[in-house]
Amino acid sequence: MKIPEKHQRWVPYEDTLPQSGGEGVVRRILAYNGELMTVENTFEKGSVGKSHSHPHTQITYIISGKFEFTIDGETRIVTAGDTLLKEDGVVHGCVCLEAGKLLDIFNPMREDFLK
């Protein structure tokens, strides 16, 4: 298992490297290029995505589970099928209420995730 390479056309899931995204969170970097990056995050119940901001626009699609998200001071409960927009510089974070998965799409790609 390894992190896919930039511009890798085919990214078999079973070949992706599970990495720690924090306590109770497993991150997998999926396909990306210089402009876009997809990342899957699997959360255990009670796990926290600490409040933070970054210079990337981020769209999060809730694949499964239930999460309490705070974006720019507004808090909502989200579940499978919901989509969230976090523009660059906006403070955001979450608490996992029921174990689940998120799919994050970043523009531009997250160089810091490759280190």
Protein backbone atom coordinates (compact mmCIF):
# COMPACT_ATOMS: atom_id res chain seq x y z
CA MET A 1 0.00 0.00 0.00
CA LYS A 2 1.15 3.51 -0.76
CA ILE A 3 0.00 7.05 -1.42
CA PRO A 4 -1.05 7.35 -5.06
CA GLU A 5 1.15 9.43 -7.33
CA LYS A 6 0.10 12.81 -8.68
CA HIS A 7 -1.83 12.34 -11.96
CA GLN A 8 -2.25 8.59 -11.31
CA ARG A 9 -5.17 7.70 -13.55
CA TRP A 10 -6.32 4.54 -11.79
CA VAL A 11 -6.30 4.31 -7.99
CA PRO A 12 -7.44 0.88 -6.74
CA TYR A 13 -8.82 1.29 -3.22
CA GLU A 14 -7.07 -1.83 -1.94
CA ASP A 15 -3.72 -0.26 -2.91
CA THR A 16 -4.28 2.99 -0.98
CA LEU A 17 -2.42 3.64 2.25
CA PRO A 18 -4.52 4.09 5.40
CA GLN A 19 -3.01 6.91 7.49
CA SER A 20 -3.93 8.44 10.81
CA GLY A 21 -6.07 11.54 10.44
CA GLY A 22 -6.20 11.95 14.21
CA GLU A 23 -7.45 9.72 17.02
CA GLY A 24 -10.21 7.47 15.66
CA VAL A 25 -9.85 8.78 12.09
CA VAL A 26 -8.32 6.92 9.13
CA ARG A 27 -7.44 9.00 6.06
CA ARG A 28 -6.86 7.62 2.57
CA ILE A 29 -5.55 9.84 -0.19
CA LEU A 30 -7.24 8.91 -3.45
CA ALA A 31 -6.78 10.42 -6.93
CA TYR A 32 -5.30 13.91 -7.27
CA ASN A 33 -3.44 16.35 -9.48
CA GLY A 34 -2.15 19.85 -8.78
CA GLU A 35 -5.64 21.36 -8.78
CA LEU A 36 -7.82 18.72 -7.08
CA MET A 37 -7.45 16.02 -4.43
CA THR A 38 -9.94 13.44 -3.17
CA VAL A 39 -9.54 12.06 0.35
CA GLU A 40 -11.64 9.52 2.22
CA ASN A 41 -11.89 9.87 6.01
CA THR A 42 -13.33 7.06 8.14
CA PHE A 43 -14.44 8.15 11.62
CA GLU A 44 -15.16 6.09 14.72
CA LYS A 45 -18.04 7.28 16.89
CA GLY A 46 -16.86 10.10 19.15
CA SER A 47 -13.88 11.03 16.98
CA VAL A 48 -13.20 14.72 16.51
CA GLY A 49 -12.04 16.62 13.46
CA LYS A 50 -10.44 19.54 15.34
CA SER A 51 -11.46 23.06 14.30
CA HIS A 52 -9.00 24.43 11.76
CA SER A 53 -8.72 26.38 8.53
CA HIS A 54 -6.50 26.09 5.47
CA PRO A 55 -5.92 27.87 2.16
CA HIS A 56 -7.93 25.30 0.19
CA THR A 57 -11.58 25.17 -0.79
CA GLN A 58 -13.00 21.89 0.54
CA ILE A 59 -16.20 20.12 -0.37
CA THR A 60 -17.24 17.28 1.94
CA TYR A 61 -19.75 14.61 0.92
CA ILE A 62 -21.15 12.50 3.76
CA ILE A 63 -20.96 8.87 2.58
CA SER A 64 -22.28 7.37 5.83
CA GLY A 65 -22.69 8.09 9.52
CA LYS A 66 -23.87 11.13 11.43
CA PHE A 67 -21.72 14.17 12.21
CA GLU A 68 -22.03 17.47 14.02
CA PHE A 69 -20.19 20.00 11.84
CA THR A 70 -19.34 23.58 12.64
CA ILE A 71 -18.47 25.83 9.72
CA ASP A 72 -17.69 29.50 10.30
CA GLY A 73 -19.48 29.42 13.67
CA GLU A 74 -22.66 27.68 12.43
CA THR A 75 -23.32 24.14 13.72
CA ARG A 76 -25.53 21.53 12.06
CA ILE A 77 -26.10 17.78 12.16
CA VAL A 78 -25.38 16.09 8.82
CA THR A 79 -25.95 12.55 7.52
CA ALA A 80 -25.41 10.42 4.41
CA GLY A 81 -25.98 12.33 1.19
CA ASP A 82 -25.37 15.80 2.63
CA THR A 83 -22.69 18.02 1.10
CA LEU A 84 -20.73 20.83 2.79
CA LEU A 85 -18.74 23.70 1.29
CA LYS A 86 -15.80 25.09 3.25
CA GLU A 87 -14.13 27.88 1.35
CA ASP A 88 -10.47 28.72 1.91
CA GLY A 89 -9.71 30.29 5.25
CA VAL A 90 -13.02 29.33 6.88
CA VAL A 91 -12.73 27.65 10.30
CA HIS A 92 -14.44 24.25 10.42
CA GLY A 93 -14.47 21.04 12.44
CA CYS A 94 -16.69 18.10 13.39
CA VAL A 95 -17.64 15.49 15.95
CA CYS A 96 -18.66 12.03 14.75
CA LEU A 97 -22.00 11.07 16.35
CA GLU A 98 -22.36 7.73 14.52
CA ALA A 99 -19.40 5.99 12.84
CA GLY A 100 -19.11 6.96 9.20
CA LYS A 101 -17.15 8.05 6.15
CA LEU A 102 -16.58 11.40 4.49
CA LEU A 103 -15.28 12.11 1.01
CA ASP A 104 -13.32 15.38 0.84
CA ILE A 105 -12.42 17.19 -2.36
CA PHE A 106 -9.79 19.91 -2.12
CA ASN A 107 -8.78 22.70 -4.49
CA PRO A 108 -5.87 23.02 -4.80
CA MET A 109 -4.55 19.64 -3.69
CA ARG A 110 -3.17 19.27 -0.15
CA GLU A 111 0.62 19.08 -0.42
CA ASP A 112 0.78 18.75 3.38
CA PHE A 113 -1.06 15.39 3.22
CA LEU A 114 1.79 13.91 1.17
CA LYS A 115 4.45 14.47 3.84
